[in-house]
Amino acid sequence: FCFYRTATLLPNQTKPVIINDSIVPDRISMHHPPSYHDISKKVEDLLNDDYSLKKTIKAKHSTPQKVSFTLENEKKDLGVMGKLQVKYAHQPSGLSLDKVVLAQDGGKSAEFSVSKLAPGFKLKGKINDSMKGDIGFEYEKPQLTFHSKLNSELTKLTSSGTMSYEGIILGGHLKYNLPKAKAGELDDYNLAVSYGRKGWFTSLMTTNKMSTYNLGATYDISRAVTAAVMASATPESSKKNLTLGIKYTCNPMTTIKAKATSEGDLHGSVQHTCVKGLVVGVATKMNATEKQPTFGFNCTLG
């Protein structure tokens, strides 16, 4: 927090403007950092989103009572499989049904959250039709985010946290086996760091007990073109993977994406908003050696 004789925050400014005696926080400090698993989200979204080879049609609808419905049908070898997803948030109490899924094959699952219990605190849980799931909490405040959850079998505790300083995001992740499983054993532990400015971003995350290093980056070549790279290396096994991708925003309605991997896979996708409430997309994948392309299609109404 900064002290000024008089201060206010005007649009598009990150520093307070002096007007009268008051204490006003810098706008940057008011934003909590992303969760640990979202530290590299900017890179992963560009390299992973819109490349699905599924053939799906979705229809979305929201009622005046803030109930959202999503009906999804997917074409598979055995026919068309469908599922219904429902969301509802009760603003006065902070209770939210984040995702209730009813699948055609009989599968059911639910995710819920309760906020307003305390500033920055949210209780979360999920459960499926086998009565398995987890319960945990999220705590978020300026420059700090902490998440923790416990599985329904009471055998595994997972915790992660991130903190920010001057644009740098630092994070850590732990997965611990409780006495009911293997007492005192760390099932997984990793670290991550990221930094970015306007036009570019980079991150470094470890996986598999810090045995694999994943370096990601994005760079805005122009207003319409963004490039991304994700390089992974496991020193113990000498295993290496590289993915290069690019996104071209032709216009506000159309986006073209392409990527190539070190395994020889080539991917491409096009997403187009035909009219408001109607989005169609096509994706393809082909191995440079086999040269047998496969295709995916998606259509979203609402």
Protein backbone atom coordinates (compact mmCIF):
# COMPACT_ATOMS: atom_id res chain seq x y z
CA PHE A 1 0.00 0.00 0.00
CA CYS A 2 1.16 3.54 -0.75
CA PHE A 3 0.37 6.75 1.18
CA TYR A 4 -0.56 9.92 -0.70
CA ARG A 5 -1.77 13.25 0.48
CA THR A 6 -4.68 12.80 -1.92
CA ALA A 7 -5.05 9.87 -4.27
CA THR A 8 -7.35 8.15 -6.69
CA LEU A 9 -6.89 5.65 -9.50
CA LEU A 10 -7.89 6.78 -12.97
CA PRO A 11 -8.70 4.39 -15.87
CA ASN A 12 -5.70 2.77 -17.57
CA GLN A 13 -3.34 3.78 -14.75
CA THR A 14 -1.37 1.52 -12.43
CA LYS A 15 -0.24 4.24 -10.01
CA PRO A 16 -2.46 6.43 -7.81
CA VAL A 17 -3.08 10.09 -8.63
CA ILE A 18 -2.85 12.60 -5.76
CA ILE A 19 -6.10 14.42 -4.97
CA ASN A 20 -6.70 14.39 -1.15
CA ASP A 21 -5.23 12.75 1.96
CA SER A 22 -5.87 9.01 1.67
CA ILE A 23 -4.23 5.62 1.37
CA VAL A 24 -4.85 3.95 -1.97
CA PRO A 25 -3.30 0.65 -3.08
CA ASP A 26 -1.52 0.36 -6.39
CA ARG A 27 -3.89 -1.48 -8.76
CA ILE A 28 -1.28 -4.13 -9.52
CA SER A 29 -1.11 -5.19 -5.88
CA MET A 30 -4.87 -5.72 -5.77
CA HIS A 31 -4.71 -8.69 -8.14
CA HIS A 32 -4.01 -12.13 -6.73
CA PRO A 33 -1.57 -14.31 -8.72
CA PRO A 34 -2.87 -17.28 -10.74
CA SER A 35 -3.15 -20.70 -9.16
CA TYR A 36 -0.13 -22.97 -9.47
CA HIS A 37 -1.62 -25.00 -12.32
CA ASP A 38 -2.40 -21.80 -14.26
CA ILE A 39 1.09 -20.33 -14.15
CA SER A 40 1.77 -21.51 -17.73
CA LYS A 41 -1.85 -21.17 -18.85
CA LYS A 42 -1.06 -18.52 -21.47
CA VAL A 43 1.33 -20.90 -23.24
CA GLU A 44 -0.75 -24.05 -22.75
CA ASP A 45 -3.95 -22.43 -24.03
CA LEU A 46 -2.33 -21.36 -27.28
CA LEU A 47 -0.76 -24.79 -27.81
CA ASN A 48 -3.70 -26.97 -26.67
CA ASP A 49 -7.03 -25.18 -27.10
CA ASP A 50 -9.11 -25.70 -30.27
CA TYR A 51 -7.16 -28.80 -31.41
CA SER A 52 -9.68 -31.39 -30.22
CA LEU A 53 -10.41 -34.14 -32.75
CA LYS A 54 -13.80 -34.88 -31.21
CA LYS A 55 -16.97 -34.27 -33.21
CA THR A 56 -19.25 -32.33 -30.91
CA ILE A 57 -22.28 -30.05 -30.94
CA LYS A 58 -23.05 -27.92 -27.88
CA ALA A 59 -26.12 -25.86 -27.03
CA LYS A 60 -25.99 -23.33 -24.17
CA HIS A 61 -28.80 -21.49 -22.44
CA SER A 62 -29.06 -19.29 -19.34
CA THR A 63 -32.29 -18.45 -17.51
CA PRO A 64 -33.12 -15.15 -15.78
CA GLN A 65 -32.61 -17.01 -12.49
CA LYS A 66 -28.89 -17.44 -13.33
CA VAL A 67 -29.20 -21.15 -14.12
CA SER A 68 -26.99 -22.20 -17.03
CA PHE A 69 -27.55 -25.33 -19.12
CA THR A 70 -25.11 -26.90 -21.58
CA LEU A 71 -26.19 -29.85 -23.70
CA GLU A 72 -23.34 -31.63 -25.50
CA ASN A 73 -23.56 -34.41 -28.07
CA GLU A 74 -20.45 -36.22 -29.29
CA LYS A 75 -20.30 -38.58 -32.25
CA LYS A 76 -18.41 -41.78 -31.43
CA ASP A 77 -17.91 -45.13 -33.16
CA LEU A 78 -20.88 -46.65 -31.32
CA GLY A 79 -23.19 -43.73 -31.98
CA VAL A 80 -23.91 -40.34 -30.44
CA MET A 81 -23.27 -39.86 -26.72
CA GLY A 82 -24.74 -36.92 -24.85
CA LYS A 83 -24.44 -35.20 -21.50
CA LEU A 84 -26.14 -32.32 -19.71
CA GLN A 85 -24.26 -29.80 -17.60
CA VAL A 86 -25.94 -27.41 -15.16
CA LYS A 87 -24.53 -24.41 -13.27
CA TYR A 88 -26.17 -22.21 -10.66
CA ALA A 89 -24.89 -19.51 -8.34
CA HIS A 90 -26.88 -18.11 -5.40
CA GLN A 91 -25.32 -14.70 -4.96
CA PRO A 92 -26.72 -13.77 -1.50
CA SER A 93 -25.32 -16.88 0.20
CA GLY A 94 -22.25 -17.43 -1.97
CA LEU A 95 -23.30 -21.03 -2.66
CA SER A 96 -22.57 -22.16 -6.19
CA LEU A 97 -23.11 -25.38 -8.12
CA ASP A 98 -20.11 -24.96 -10.41
CA LYS A 99 -20.78 -28.07 -12.48
CA VAL A 100 -23.44 -30.77 -12.29
CA VAL A 101 -23.06 -33.35 -15.05
CA LEU A 102 -25.59 -35.99 -16.10
CA ALA A 103 -24.18 -38.27 -18.80
CA GLN A 104 -26.09 -40.55 -21.17
CA ASP A 105 -24.18 -43.59 -19.89
CA GLY A 106 -25.51 -42.97 -16.40
CA GLY A 107 -22.46 -41.20 -15.01
CA LYS A 108 -23.11 -38.32 -12.64
CA SER A 109 -20.81 -35.82 -10.94
CA ALA A 110 -21.11 -32.53 -9.10
CA GLU A 111 -18.79 -29.68 -8.15
CA PHE A 112 -19.75 -26.99 -5.64
CA SER A 113 -18.22 -24.01 -3.90
CA VAL A 114 -19.12 -21.70 -1.02
CA SER A 115 -17.71 -18.20 -0.87
CA LYS A 116 -18.43 -15.27 1.47
CA LEU A 117 -17.35 -17.35 4.47
CA ALA A 118 -14.38 -15.02 4.94
CA PRO A 119 -12.60 -12.47 2.74
CA GLY A 120 -10.67 -14.27 0.01
CA PHE A 121 -11.70 -17.73 1.27
CA LYS A 122 -13.70 -20.28 -0.73
CA LEU A 123 -14.71 -23.82 0.23
CA LYS A 124 -14.79 -26.26 -2.72
CA GLY A 125 -15.73 -29.88 -3.27
CA LYS A 126 -16.63 -32.44 -5.90
CA ILE A 127 -18.14 -35.91 -5.92
CA ASN A 128 -19.15 -38.53 -8.48
CA ASP A 129 -21.72 -41.33 -8.54
CA SER A 130 -19.18 -43.68 -6.93
CA MET A 131 -19.12 -41.36 -3.90
CA LYS A 132 -15.51 -40.46 -4.62
CA GLY A 133 -14.16 -36.95 -4.86
CA ASP A 134 -12.40 -34.37 -2.75
CA ILE A 135 -12.97 -31.34 -0.55
CA GLY A 136 -10.71 -28.37 -0.08
CA PHE A 137 -10.39 -24.63 0.01
CA GLU A 138 -8.93 -21.70 -1.89
CA TYR A 139 -7.48 -18.62 -0.26
CA GLU A 140 -6.65 -15.63 -2.41
CA LYS A 141 -5.40 -12.17 -1.52
CA PRO A 142 -3.23 -9.58 -3.26
CA GLN A 143 0.10 -11.17 -4.19
CA LEU A 144 -0.81 -14.56 -2.70
CA THR A 145 -2.87 -17.61 -3.74
CA PHE A 146 -3.10 -20.89 -1.82
CA HIS A 147 -5.14 -24.01 -2.68
CA SER A 148 -5.46 -27.27 -0.75
CA LYS A 149 -7.67 -30.37 -1.07
CA LEU A 150 -8.13 -33.78 0.54
CA ASN A 151 -9.50 -36.80 -1.31
CA SER A 152 -12.57 -38.65 -0.03
CA GLU A 153 -10.53 -41.74 0.90
CA LEU A 154 -8.47 -39.55 3.27
CA THR A 155 -5.26 -40.87 1.73
CA LYS A 156 -3.88 -37.90 -0.21
CA LEU A 157 -3.45 -34.20 0.57
CA THR A 158 -2.63 -31.85 -2.28
CA SER A 159 -1.52 -28.26 -1.69
CA SER A 160 -0.15 -25.53 -3.90
CA GLY A 161 0.61 -21.85 -3.61
CA THR A 162 1.81 -18.90 -5.64
CA MET A 163 3.06 -15.43 -4.82
CA SER A 164 3.83 -12.42 -7.00
CA TYR A 165 6.36 -9.63 -6.80
CA GLU A 166 7.09 -7.01 -9.45
CA GLY A 167 5.57 -9.16 -12.18
CA ILE A 168 7.39 -12.34 -11.12
CA ILE A 169 5.19 -15.31 -10.16
CA LEU A 170 6.68 -18.01 -7.92
CA GLY A 171 4.84 -21.23 -7.11
CA GLY A 172 5.14 -24.59 -5.40
CA HIS A 173 3.10 -27.80 -5.39
CA LEU A 174 3.03 -30.76 -2.97
CA LYS A 175 1.13 -34.04 -2.99
CA TYR A 176 1.42 -35.90 0.30
CA ASN A 177 0.33 -39.46 1.18
CA LEU A 178 -1.41 -39.52 4.54
CA PRO A 179 -0.88 -42.28 7.18
CA LYS A 180 -3.83 -44.24 5.81
CA ALA A 181 -1.82 -44.74 2.61
CA LYS A 182 1.99 -44.61 2.85
CA ALA A 183 2.85 -42.60 5.91
CA GLY A 184 5.16 -39.67 5.45
CA GLU A 185 5.75 -40.14 1.73
CA LEU A 186 5.75 -37.21 -0.67
CA ASP A 187 3.95 -38.43 -3.75
CA ASP A 188 4.95 -35.41 -5.83
CA TYR A 189 6.59 -32.00 -5.42
CA ASN A 190 7.37 -29.29 -7.96
CA LEU A 191 8.25 -25.62 -8.42
CA ALA A 192 7.40 -23.00 -11.01
CA VAL A 193 8.29 -19.43 -11.96
CA SER A 194 6.98 -17.06 -14.63
CA TYR A 195 7.53 -13.51 -15.82
CA GLY A 196 6.02 -11.45 -18.58
CA ARG A 197 5.52 -7.99 -19.97
CA LYS A 198 3.40 -6.54 -22.73
CA GLY A 199 3.95 -8.63 -25.85
CA TRP A 200 5.83 -11.55 -24.28
CA PHE A 201 5.65 -14.13 -21.51
CA THR A 202 7.85 -16.98 -20.26
CA SER A 203 7.50 -19.70 -17.62
CA LEU A 204 9.47 -22.60 -16.18
CA MET A 205 7.72 -25.48 -14.40
CA THR A 206 8.91 -28.84 -13.14
CA THR A 207 6.94 -32.11 -13.10
CA ASN A 208 7.48 -35.66 -11.77
CA LYS A 209 9.24 -34.71 -8.54
CA MET A 210 11.30 -32.02 -10.26
CA SER A 211 12.79 -34.52 -12.70
CA THR A 212 11.28 -32.90 -15.82
CA TYR A 213 11.73 -29.24 -16.75
CA ASN A 214 9.14 -27.48 -18.91
CA LEU A 215 10.09 -24.13 -20.43
CA GLY A 216 7.31 -22.19 -22.17
CA ALA A 217 7.09 -18.81 -23.86
CA THR A 218 4.81 -16.66 -26.00
CA TYR A 219 5.70 -13.66 -28.15
CA ASP A 220 3.40 -11.24 -29.97
CA ILE A 221 4.92 -10.91 -33.42
CA SER A 222 2.24 -8.41 -34.32
CA ARG A 223 -1.23 -7.45 -33.15
CA ALA A 224 -2.68 -10.38 -35.08
CA VAL A 225 0.06 -13.00 -34.73
CA THR A 226 1.30 -14.72 -31.55
CA ALA A 227 3.92 -17.46 -31.43
CA ALA A 228 4.41 -19.99 -28.61
CA VAL A 229 6.92 -22.67 -27.68
CA MET A 230 7.01 -25.40 -25.03
CA ALA A 231 10.22 -27.37 -24.49
CA SER A 232 10.42 -30.28 -22.02
CA ALA A 233 13.52 -32.16 -20.90
CA THR A 234 14.15 -35.01 -18.45
CA PRO A 235 17.91 -35.14 -17.78
CA GLU A 236 17.87 -38.62 -16.18
CA SER A 237 16.37 -40.28 -19.26
CA SER A 238 17.60 -37.76 -21.86
CA LYS A 239 13.99 -37.49 -23.05
CA LYS A 240 13.16 -34.24 -24.82
CA ASN A 241 9.99 -32.82 -26.37
CA LEU A 242 9.41 -29.63 -28.31
CA THR A 243 6.17 -28.01 -29.47
CA LEU A 244 6.01 -24.88 -31.63
CA GLY A 245 2.74 -23.08 -32.28
CA ILE A 246 1.32 -19.94 -33.82
CA LYS A 247 -2.04 -18.16 -33.68
CA TYR A 248 -3.30 -15.77 -36.34
CA THR A 249 -6.35 -13.65 -35.61
CA CYS A 250 -7.62 -12.90 -39.11
CA ASN A 251 -10.40 -10.69 -37.78
CA PRO A 252 -12.51 -10.50 -34.61
CA MET A 253 -14.58 -13.43 -35.90
CA THR A 254 -11.92 -15.86 -37.15
CA THR A 255 -8.82 -17.42 -35.59
CA ILE A 256 -6.37 -19.80 -37.26
CA LYS A 257 -3.91 -21.88 -35.25
CA ALA A 258 -1.16 -24.35 -36.14
CA LYS A 259 1.47 -26.29 -34.23
CA ALA A 260 4.18 -28.90 -34.77
CA THR A 261 5.76 -31.32 -32.29
CA SER A 262 9.14 -33.02 -32.16
CA GLU A 263 7.31 -36.38 -32.62
CA GLY A 264 6.41 -35.28 -36.14
CA ASP A 265 2.77 -34.41 -35.49
CA LEU A 266 1.28 -31.45 -37.36
CA HIS A 267 -1.91 -29.80 -36.07
CA GLY A 268 -4.18 -27.10 -37.42
CA SER A 269 -7.46 -25.49 -36.39
CA VAL A 270 -9.90 -22.78 -37.45
CA GLN A 271 -12.50 -21.20 -35.17
CA HIS A 272 -15.11 -18.91 -36.70
CA THR A 273 -17.99 -16.98 -35.14
CA CYS A 274 -20.67 -17.05 -37.85
CA VAL A 275 -23.11 -14.83 -35.97
CA LYS A 276 -23.57 -13.96 -32.32
CA GLY A 277 -24.23 -17.21 -30.49
CA LEU A 278 -22.94 -19.53 -33.20
CA VAL A 279 -19.30 -20.70 -33.27
CA VAL A 280 -17.99 -23.46 -35.53
CA GLY A 281 -14.54 -24.98 -35.62
CA VAL A 282 -12.50 -27.55 -37.50
CA ALA A 283 -9.27 -29.22 -36.36
CA THR A 284 -6.90 -31.65 -38.02
CA LYS A 285 -3.87 -33.75 -37.09
CA MET A 286 -1.37 -35.54 -39.31
CA ASN A 287 1.88 -37.34 -38.62
CA ALA A 288 4.61 -36.26 -41.02
CA THR A 289 5.62 -39.92 -41.58
CA GLU A 290 2.23 -41.65 -41.84
CA LYS A 291 0.54 -38.77 -43.68
CA GLN A 292 -2.95 -39.94 -42.69
CA PRO A 293 -4.89 -36.88 -41.47
CA THR A 294 -7.70 -37.08 -38.95
CA PHE A 295 -10.30 -34.37 -38.40
CA GLY A 296 -12.44 -32.97 -35.64
CA PHE A 297 -15.45 -30.67 -35.69
CA ASN A 298 -17.23 -28.56 -33.08
CA CYS A 299 -20.28 -26.34 -33.13
CA THR A 300 -21.48 -24.21 -30.21
CA LEU A 301 -24.91 -22.59 -30.07
CA GLY A 302 -25.62 -19.96 -27.47
